[in-house]
Amino acid sequence: MAEFDHGPWTVGEAEDETPVRKTGRERVGETLRDRILSGDLAPNERIDLDAVAEEFGTSRTPVREACLSLAQEGLVRVAQRSGVIVIGVSPETIMENFTLMAALSGVAGQWAAERITPRQLLRVRELHREIRVAVQSGDDFATLNWLFHREINKACASPRLQSMLGDAGRMIPRRFFDLFPEHVPCSMDEHDALVGALARGDGAAARQITEQHFEGAAQLLSAHINSLSSSASAN
């Protein structure tokens, strides 16, 4: 399967293009970013460049390049003597990230409800059914969920908005449902409501449902990061 940015919400693409294989720097950067955002890499933890290079079967160069990109995003600090140190994210930053994604995705949902074509709606419904089957059978549904939201974001027919979603989406952990499987039933209910709003052409409802899709998720992740920080301080 081609490589996608799996996650609870899509980053959206303007055209239906076949994704290109990612470079070593991109793969390392995405993995480290996800580990930082999900709390697997804690603040003040040092990233071992040699260990990461060995994990990905690459040289130190793409690992260091990936860390420099993460430094520009404010997730790590690169120092000549101390190496690469994780800055991490605070619960407040997580809430801020989700708020931005909620606002952008809400607009995308509203525009999609107003502009979605019958063919796009059929595809959204197909993906929705496939997600439900995957959840019930215990199969991995991350890719299907990504495609579901990607199709909705494409239906908003705004390449500019899709680009903005892509920038904001990088700050949302791809492993969200791995961290919080209990959130899946709630998400499926929200998917049901969202598909209904799209079918009715109800832009206001689609926007409200999409924004609510983020509220509980933000609180879960914020509490998770706060718990990890408290445990680290206690130790």
C-alpha atoms as a PDB file:
ATOM      1  CA  MET A   1       0.000   0.000   0.000  1.00  0.00           C
ATOM      2  CA  ALA A   2       1.220   3.508  -0.755  1.00  0.00           C
ATOM      3  CA  GLU A   3       2.238   5.511   2.270  1.00  0.00           C
ATOM      4  CA  PHE A   4      -0.388   7.849   3.725  1.00  0.00           C
ATOM      5  CA  ASP A   5      -0.437  10.177   6.702  1.00  0.00           C
ATOM      6  CA  HIS A   6      -2.725   7.997   8.777  1.00  0.00           C
ATOM      7  CA  GLY A   7      -4.554   9.768  11.528  1.00  0.00           C
ATOM      8  CA  PRO A   8      -7.936  10.666  12.891  1.00  0.00           C
ATOM      9  CA  TRP A   9      -8.320  13.567  10.495  1.00  0.00           C
ATOM     10  CA  THR A  10      -7.156  14.110   6.987  1.00  0.00           C
ATOM     11  CA  VAL A  11      -4.597  16.601   5.785  1.00  0.00           C
ATOM     12  CA  GLY A  12      -6.412  16.780   2.451  1.00  0.00           C
ATOM     13  CA  GLU A  13      -5.070  17.015  -1.087  1.00  0.00           C
ATOM     14  CA  ALA A  14      -6.294  19.287  -3.851  1.00  0.00           C
ATOM     15  CA  GLU A  15      -6.064  16.610  -6.537  1.00  0.00           C
ATOM     16  CA  ASP A  16      -6.615  12.862  -6.448  1.00  0.00           C
ATOM     17  CA  GLU A  17      -2.981  12.010  -6.976  1.00  0.00           C
ATOM     18  CA  THR A  18      -1.089   8.851  -6.153  1.00  0.00           C
ATOM     19  CA  PRO A  19       1.053   9.608  -3.071  1.00  0.00           C
ATOM     20  CA  VAL A  20       4.772   9.514  -3.720  1.00  0.00           C
ATOM     21  CA  ARG A  21       7.105   7.488  -1.551  1.00  0.00           C
ATOM     22  CA  LYS A  22       8.519   9.575   1.274  1.00  0.00           C
ATOM     23  CA  THR A  23      12.203  10.343   1.701  1.00  0.00           C
ATOM     24  CA  GLY A  24      14.141   9.106   4.694  1.00  0.00           C
ATOM     25  CA  ARG A  25      14.071  12.589   6.212  1.00  0.00           C
ATOM     26  CA  GLU A  26      10.295  12.770   5.858  1.00  0.00           C
ATOM     27  CA  ARG A  27       9.723   9.325   7.364  1.00  0.00           C
ATOM     28  CA  VAL A  28      12.006  10.053  10.317  1.00  0.00           C
ATOM     29  CA  GLY A  29      10.485  13.493  10.851  1.00  0.00           C
ATOM     30  CA  GLU A  30       6.908  12.211  10.823  1.00  0.00           C
ATOM     31  CA  THR A  31       7.691   9.405  13.254  1.00  0.00           C
ATOM     32  CA  LEU A  32       9.581  11.627  15.696  1.00  0.00           C
ATOM     33  CA  ARG A  33       6.889  14.300  15.478  1.00  0.00           C
ATOM     34  CA  ASP A  34       4.215  11.739  16.265  1.00  0.00           C
ATOM     35  CA  ARG A  35       6.184  10.380  19.223  1.00  0.00           C
ATOM     36  CA  ILE A  36       6.600  13.879  20.613  1.00  0.00           C
ATOM     37  CA  LEU A  37       2.948  14.846  20.102  1.00  0.00           C
ATOM     38  CA  SER A  38       1.715  11.614  21.707  1.00  0.00           C
ATOM     39  CA  GLY A  39       4.095  11.945  24.662  1.00  0.00           C
ATOM     40  CA  ASP A  40       6.270   8.927  23.822  1.00  0.00           C
ATOM     41  CA  LEU A  41       9.228  11.308  23.728  1.00  0.00           C
ATOM     42  CA  ALA A  42       9.075  13.449  26.847  1.00  0.00           C
ATOM     43  CA  PRO A  43      10.268  17.048  27.304  1.00  0.00           C
ATOM     44  CA  ASN A  44      14.016  17.308  28.004  1.00  0.00           C
ATOM     45  CA  GLU A  45      14.606  13.817  26.626  1.00  0.00           C
ATOM     46  CA  ARG A  46      17.637  13.534  24.346  1.00  0.00           C
ATOM     47  CA  ILE A  47      17.150  12.025  20.891  1.00  0.00           C
ATOM     48  CA  ASP A  48      19.924   9.573  20.018  1.00  0.00           C
ATOM     49  CA  LEU A  49      20.660  10.259  16.359  1.00  0.00           C
ATOM     50  CA  ASP A  50      22.616   7.027  15.925  1.00  0.00           C
ATOM     51  CA  ALA A  51      19.808   4.927  17.417  1.00  0.00           C
ATOM     52  CA  VAL A  52      17.199   6.597  15.192  1.00  0.00           C
ATOM     53  CA  ALA A  53      19.398   6.146  12.125  1.00  0.00           C
ATOM     54  CA  GLU A  54      19.776   2.446  12.929  1.00  0.00           C
ATOM     55  CA  GLU A  55      16.014   2.095  13.471  1.00  0.00           C
ATOM     56  CA  PHE A  56      15.261   3.514  10.033  1.00  0.00           C
ATOM     57  CA  GLY A  57      18.228   1.938   8.277  1.00  0.00           C
ATOM     58  CA  THR A  58      19.641   5.249   7.201  1.00  0.00           C
ATOM     59  CA  SER A  59      22.597   7.531   7.890  1.00  0.00           C
ATOM     60  CA  ARG A  60      22.700  10.311  10.473  1.00  0.00           C
ATOM     61  CA  THR A  61      22.212  12.982   7.791  1.00  0.00           C
ATOM     62  CA  PRO A  62      18.447  12.538   7.148  1.00  0.00           C
ATOM     63  CA  VAL A  63      17.902  12.115  10.891  1.00  0.00           C
ATOM     64  CA  ARG A  64      19.645  15.394  11.630  1.00  0.00           C
ATOM     65  CA  GLU A  65      17.761  17.109   8.783  1.00  0.00           C
ATOM     66  CA  ALA A  66      14.483  15.832  10.229  1.00  0.00           C
ATOM     67  CA  CYS A  67      15.424  17.174  13.663  1.00  0.00           C
ATOM     68  CA  LEU A  68      16.243  20.571  12.188  1.00  0.00           C
ATOM     69  CA  SER A  69      12.744  20.667  10.667  1.00  0.00           C
ATOM     70  CA  LEU A  70      11.229  19.716  14.026  1.00  0.00           C
ATOM     71  CA  ALA A  71      13.257  22.498  15.634  1.00  0.00           C
ATOM     72  CA  GLN A  72      11.633  24.990  13.266  1.00  0.00           C
ATOM     73  CA  GLU A  73       8.253  23.683  14.464  1.00  0.00           C
ATOM     74  CA  GLY A  74       9.283  24.276  18.077  1.00  0.00           C
ATOM     75  CA  LEU A  75       9.211  20.591  19.052  1.00  0.00           C
ATOM     76  CA  VAL A  76      12.952  20.069  19.690  1.00  0.00           C
ATOM     77  CA  ARG A  77      16.047  22.098  20.447  1.00  0.00           C
ATOM     78  CA  VAL A  78      19.240  21.445  18.495  1.00  0.00           C
ATOM     79  CA  ALA A  79      22.446  22.416  20.297  1.00  0.00           C
ATOM     80  CA  GLN A  80      26.015  21.782  19.219  1.00  0.00           C
ATOM     81  CA  ARG A  81      27.115  20.225  22.511  1.00  0.00           C
ATOM     82  CA  SER A  82      23.969  18.762  24.033  1.00  0.00           C
ATOM     83  CA  GLY A  83      22.559  17.368  20.798  1.00  0.00           C
ATOM     84  CA  VAL A  84      18.834  17.202  20.067  1.00  0.00           C
ATOM     85  CA  ILE A  85      16.604  17.742  23.092  1.00  0.00           C
ATOM     86  CA  VAL A  86      12.819  17.342  23.054  1.00  0.00           C
ATOM     87  CA  ILE A  87      10.843  20.455  23.944  1.00  0.00           C
ATOM     88  CA  GLY A  88       7.515  18.660  23.635  1.00  0.00           C
ATOM     89  CA  VAL A  89       4.023  20.070  23.770  1.00  0.00           C
ATOM     90  CA  SER A  90       1.982  21.296  26.695  1.00  0.00           C
ATOM     91  CA  PRO A  91      -1.685  20.448  27.289  1.00  0.00           C
ATOM     92  CA  GLU A  92      -2.445  24.072  26.427  1.00  0.00           C
ATOM     93  CA  THR A  93      -0.652  23.750  23.077  1.00  0.00           C
ATOM     94  CA  ILE A  94      -2.548  20.559  22.310  1.00  0.00           C
ATOM     95  CA  MET A  95      -5.859  22.303  22.932  1.00  0.00           C
ATOM     96  CA  GLU A  96      -4.712  25.141  20.701  1.00  0.00           C
ATOM     97  CA  ASN A  97      -3.748  22.731  17.895  1.00  0.00           C
ATOM     98  CA  PHE A  98      -7.084  20.951  18.064  1.00  0.00           C
ATOM     99  CA  THR A  99      -8.965  24.261  18.167  1.00  0.00           C
ATOM    100  CA  LEU A 100      -7.268  25.340  14.941  1.00  0.00           C
ATOM    101  CA  MET A 101      -8.011  22.002  13.288  1.00  0.00           C
ATOM    102  CA  ALA A 102     -11.617  22.149  14.491  1.00  0.00           C
ATOM    103  CA  ALA A 103     -12.143  25.600  13.005  1.00  0.00           C
ATOM    104  CA  LEU A 104     -10.581  24.726   9.655  1.00  0.00           C
ATOM    105  CA  SER A 105     -12.262  21.323   9.406  1.00  0.00           C
ATOM    106  CA  GLY A 106     -15.591  22.854  10.384  1.00  0.00           C
ATOM    107  CA  VAL A 107     -15.408  25.252   7.451  1.00  0.00           C
ATOM    108  CA  ALA A 108     -14.385  22.376   5.185  1.00  0.00           C
ATOM    109  CA  GLY A 109     -17.367  20.350   6.377  1.00  0.00           C
ATOM    110  CA  GLN A 110     -19.747  23.246   5.781  1.00  0.00           C
ATOM    111  CA  TRP A 111     -18.456  23.879   2.270  1.00  0.00           C
ATOM    112  CA  ALA A 112     -18.461  20.163   1.496  1.00  0.00           C
ATOM    113  CA  ALA A 113     -22.141  19.919   2.449  1.00  0.00           C
ATOM    114  CA  GLU A 114     -22.884  22.757   0.061  1.00  0.00           C
ATOM    115  CA  ARG A 115     -20.664  21.552  -2.811  1.00  0.00           C
ATOM    116  CA  ILE A 116     -20.343  17.767  -2.595  1.00  0.00           C
ATOM    117  CA  THR A 117     -21.154  15.866  -5.783  1.00  0.00           C
ATOM    118  CA  PRO A 118     -23.291  12.707  -5.875  1.00  0.00           C
ATOM    119  CA  ARG A 119     -20.196  10.685  -6.743  1.00  0.00           C
ATOM    120  CA  GLN A 120     -18.245  12.123  -3.808  1.00  0.00           C
ATOM    121  CA  LEU A 121     -21.150  11.504  -1.434  1.00  0.00           C
ATOM    122  CA  LEU A 122     -21.359   7.901  -2.617  1.00  0.00           C
ATOM    123  CA  ARG A 123     -17.648   7.459  -1.892  1.00  0.00           C
ATOM    124  CA  VAL A 124     -18.021   8.993   1.581  1.00  0.00           C
ATOM    125  CA  ARG A 125     -20.856   6.573   2.334  1.00  0.00           C
ATOM    126  CA  GLU A 126     -18.822   3.613   1.077  1.00  0.00           C
ATOM    127  CA  LEU A 127     -15.889   4.541   3.275  1.00  0.00           C
ATOM    128  CA  HIS A 128     -18.198   5.069   6.243  1.00  0.00           C
ATOM    129  CA  ARG A 129     -19.564   1.536   5.847  1.00  0.00           C
ATOM    130  CA  GLU A 130     -16.063   0.104   5.465  1.00  0.00           C
ATOM    131  CA  ILE A 131     -14.924   1.859   8.651  1.00  0.00           C
ATOM    132  CA  ARG A 132     -17.849   0.424  10.606  1.00  0.00           C
ATOM    133  CA  VAL A 133     -17.064  -3.100   9.373  1.00  0.00           C
ATOM    134  CA  ALA A 134     -13.388  -2.662  10.267  1.00  0.00           C
ATOM    135  CA  VAL A 135     -14.229  -1.404  13.758  1.00  0.00           C
ATOM    136  CA  GLN A 136     -16.642  -4.267  14.406  1.00  0.00           C
ATOM    137  CA  SER A 137     -14.148  -6.869  13.202  1.00  0.00           C
ATOM    138  CA  GLY A 138     -11.243  -5.350  15.108  1.00  0.00           C
ATOM    139  CA  ASP A 139      -9.292  -4.582  11.926  1.00  0.00           C
ATOM    140  CA  ASP A 140      -7.069  -1.535  11.466  1.00  0.00           C
ATOM    141  CA  PHE A 141      -9.312   1.294  10.304  1.00  0.00           C
ATOM    142  CA  ALA A 142      -6.808   4.168  10.396  1.00  0.00           C
ATOM    143  CA  THR A 143      -6.353   4.316   6.626  1.00  0.00           C
ATOM    144  CA  LEU A 144     -10.095   4.127   5.979  1.00  0.00           C
ATOM    145  CA  ASN A 145     -10.727   6.887   8.507  1.00  0.00           C
ATOM    146  CA  TRP A 146      -8.070   9.030   6.850  1.00  0.00           C
ATOM    147  CA  LEU A 147      -9.642   8.479   3.442  1.00  0.00           C
ATOM    148  CA  PHE A 148     -13.125   9.248   4.796  1.00  0.00           C
ATOM    149  CA  HIS A 149     -12.123  12.688   6.048  1.00  0.00           C
ATOM    150  CA  ARG A 150      -9.891  13.285   3.050  1.00  0.00           C
ATOM    151  CA  GLU A 151     -12.853  12.748   0.731  1.00  0.00           C
ATOM    152  CA  ILE A 152     -14.932  15.262   2.687  1.00  0.00           C
ATOM    153  CA  ASN A 153     -12.135  17.817   2.639  1.00  0.00           C
ATOM    154  CA  LYS A 154     -11.700  17.345  -1.100  1.00  0.00           C
ATOM    155  CA  ALA A 155     -15.432  17.940  -1.518  1.00  0.00           C
ATOM    156  CA  CYS A 156     -15.080  21.422  -0.012  1.00  0.00           C
ATOM    157  CA  ALA A 157     -13.473  22.320  -3.374  1.00  0.00           C
ATOM    158  CA  SER A 158     -10.958  24.729  -1.861  1.00  0.00           C
ATOM    159  CA  PRO A 159      -7.274  23.907  -2.496  1.00  0.00           C
ATOM    160  CA  ARG A 160      -6.261  26.793  -0.226  1.00  0.00           C
ATOM    161  CA  LEU A 161      -8.282  25.444   2.697  1.00  0.00           C
ATOM    162  CA  GLN A 162      -6.924  21.941   2.072  1.00  0.00           C
ATOM    163  CA  SER A 163      -3.392  23.314   2.203  1.00  0.00           C
ATOM    164  CA  MET A 164      -4.124  25.038   5.520  1.00  0.00           C
ATOM    165  CA  LEU A 165      -5.553  21.783   6.865  1.00  0.00           C
ATOM    166  CA  GLY A 166      -2.353  20.040   5.846  1.00  0.00           C
ATOM    167  CA  ASP A 167      -0.226  22.480   7.841  1.00  0.00           C
ATOM    168  CA  ALA A 168      -2.435  22.208  10.929  1.00  0.00           C
ATOM    169  CA  GLY A 169      -2.825  18.440  10.632  1.00  0.00           C
ATOM    170  CA  ARG A 170       0.869  17.817  11.143  1.00  0.00           C
ATOM    171  CA  MET A 171       0.432  18.805  14.780  1.00  0.00           C
ATOM    172  CA  ILE A 172      -2.186  16.111  15.450  1.00  0.00           C
ATOM    173  CA  PRO A 173      -0.844  12.653  16.435  1.00  0.00           C
ATOM    174  CA  ARG A 174      -1.362  10.001  13.761  1.00  0.00           C
ATOM    175  CA  ARG A 175      -1.683   7.341  16.497  1.00  0.00           C
ATOM    176  CA  PHE A 176      -4.663   8.945  18.201  1.00  0.00           C
ATOM    177  CA  PHE A 177      -6.947   5.906  18.069  1.00  0.00           C
ATOM    178  CA  ASP A 178      -4.111   3.642  19.230  1.00  0.00           C
ATOM    179  CA  LEU A 179      -3.801   5.828  22.306  1.00  0.00           C
ATOM    180  CA  PHE A 180      -7.548   6.132  22.916  1.00  0.00           C
ATOM    181  CA  PRO A 181      -9.501   3.180  21.471  1.00  0.00           C
ATOM    182  CA  GLU A 182     -12.408   4.114  23.736  1.00  0.00           C
ATOM    183  CA  HIS A 183     -12.968   7.180  21.539  1.00  0.00           C
ATOM    184  CA  VAL A 184     -13.908   5.043  18.514  1.00  0.00           C
ATOM    185  CA  PRO A 185     -17.632   4.501  19.360  1.00  0.00           C
ATOM    186  CA  CYS A 186     -18.126   8.225  19.855  1.00  0.00           C
ATOM    187  CA  SER A 187     -16.347   8.936  16.580  1.00  0.00           C
ATOM    188  CA  MET A 188     -18.586   6.496  14.706  1.00  0.00           C
ATOM    189  CA  ASP A 189     -21.703   8.245  16.046  1.00  0.00           C
ATOM    190  CA  GLU A 190     -20.261  11.546  14.879  1.00  0.00           C
ATOM    191  CA  HIS A 191     -19.505  10.015  11.479  1.00  0.00           C
ATOM    192  CA  ASP A 192     -23.154   8.921  11.196  1.00  0.00           C
ATOM    193  CA  ALA A 193     -24.341  12.454  11.921  1.00  0.00           C
ATOM    194  CA  LEU A 194     -21.790  13.999   9.556  1.00  0.00           C
ATOM    195  CA  VAL A 195     -22.775  11.758   6.634  1.00  0.00           C
ATOM    196  CA  GLY A 196     -26.409  12.669   7.269  1.00  0.00           C
ATOM    197  CA  ALA A 197     -25.632  16.390   7.203  1.00  0.00           C
ATOM    198  CA  LEU A 198     -23.684  16.030   3.963  1.00  0.00           C
ATOM    199  CA  ALA A 199     -26.546  14.099   2.364  1.00  0.00           C
ATOM    200  CA  ARG A 200     -29.030  16.837   3.373  1.00  0.00           C
ATOM    201  CA  GLY A 201     -26.747  19.617   2.217  1.00  0.00           C
ATOM    202  CA  ASP A 202     -26.907  21.064   5.735  1.00  0.00           C
ATOM    203  CA  GLY A 203     -23.724  23.115   5.958  1.00  0.00           C
ATOM    204  CA  ALA A 204     -24.391  24.506   9.439  1.00  0.00           C
ATOM    205  CA  ALA A 205     -24.902  21.034  10.905  1.00  0.00           C
ATOM    206  CA  ALA A 206     -21.842  19.619   9.108  1.00  0.00           C
ATOM    207  CA  ARG A 207     -19.716  22.405  10.536  1.00  0.00           C
ATOM    208  CA  GLN A 208     -21.032  21.943  14.082  1.00  0.00           C
ATOM    209  CA  ILE A 209     -20.603  18.156  14.012  1.00  0.00           C
ATOM    210  CA  THR A 210     -17.078  18.416  12.630  1.00  0.00           C
ATOM    211  CA  GLU A 211     -16.027  20.924  15.269  1.00  0.00           C
ATOM    212  CA  GLN A 212     -17.471  18.729  18.026  1.00  0.00           C
ATOM    213  CA  HIS A 213     -15.476  15.844  16.576  1.00  0.00           C
ATOM    214  CA  PHE A 214     -12.382  17.529  17.999  1.00  0.00           C
ATOM    215  CA  GLU A 215     -13.542  18.643  21.436  1.00  0.00           C
ATOM    216  CA  GLY A 216     -13.464  15.291  23.220  1.00  0.00           C
ATOM    217  CA  ALA A 217     -10.326  14.256  21.363  1.00  0.00           C
ATOM    218  CA  ALA A 218      -8.485  17.368  22.488  1.00  0.00           C
ATOM    219  CA  GLN A 219      -9.427  16.817  26.112  1.00  0.00           C
ATOM    220  CA  LEU A 220      -8.317  13.166  26.005  1.00  0.00           C
ATOM    221  CA  LEU A 221      -4.911  13.942  24.535  1.00  0.00           C
ATOM    222  CA  SER A 222      -4.392  16.946  26.801  1.00  0.00           C
ATOM    223  CA  ALA A 223      -5.106  14.843  29.882  1.00  0.00           C
ATOM    224  CA  HIS A 224      -2.804  12.108  28.558  1.00  0.00           C
ATOM    225  CA  ILE A 225       0.131  14.496  28.102  1.00  0.00           C
ATOM    226  CA  ASN A 226      -0.537  16.095  31.482  1.00  0.00           C
ATOM    227  CA  SER A 227      -0.514  12.650  33.116  1.00  0.00           C
ATOM    228  CA  LEU A 228       2.799  11.766  31.489  1.00  0.00           C
ATOM    229  CA  SER A 229       4.304  15.065  32.618  1.00  0.00           C
ATOM    230  CA  SER A 230       3.094  14.515  36.190  1.00  0.00           C
ATOM    231  CA  SER A 231       4.540  10.989  36.237  1.00  0.00           C
ATOM    232  CA  ALA A 232       7.883  12.236  34.938  1.00  0.00           C
ATOM    233  CA  SER A 233       7.992  14.956  37.588  1.00  0.00           C
ATOM    234  CA  ALA A 234       7.179  12.458  40.334  1.00  0.00           C
ATOM    235  CA  ASN A 235      10.047  10.241  39.235  1.00  0.00           C
END
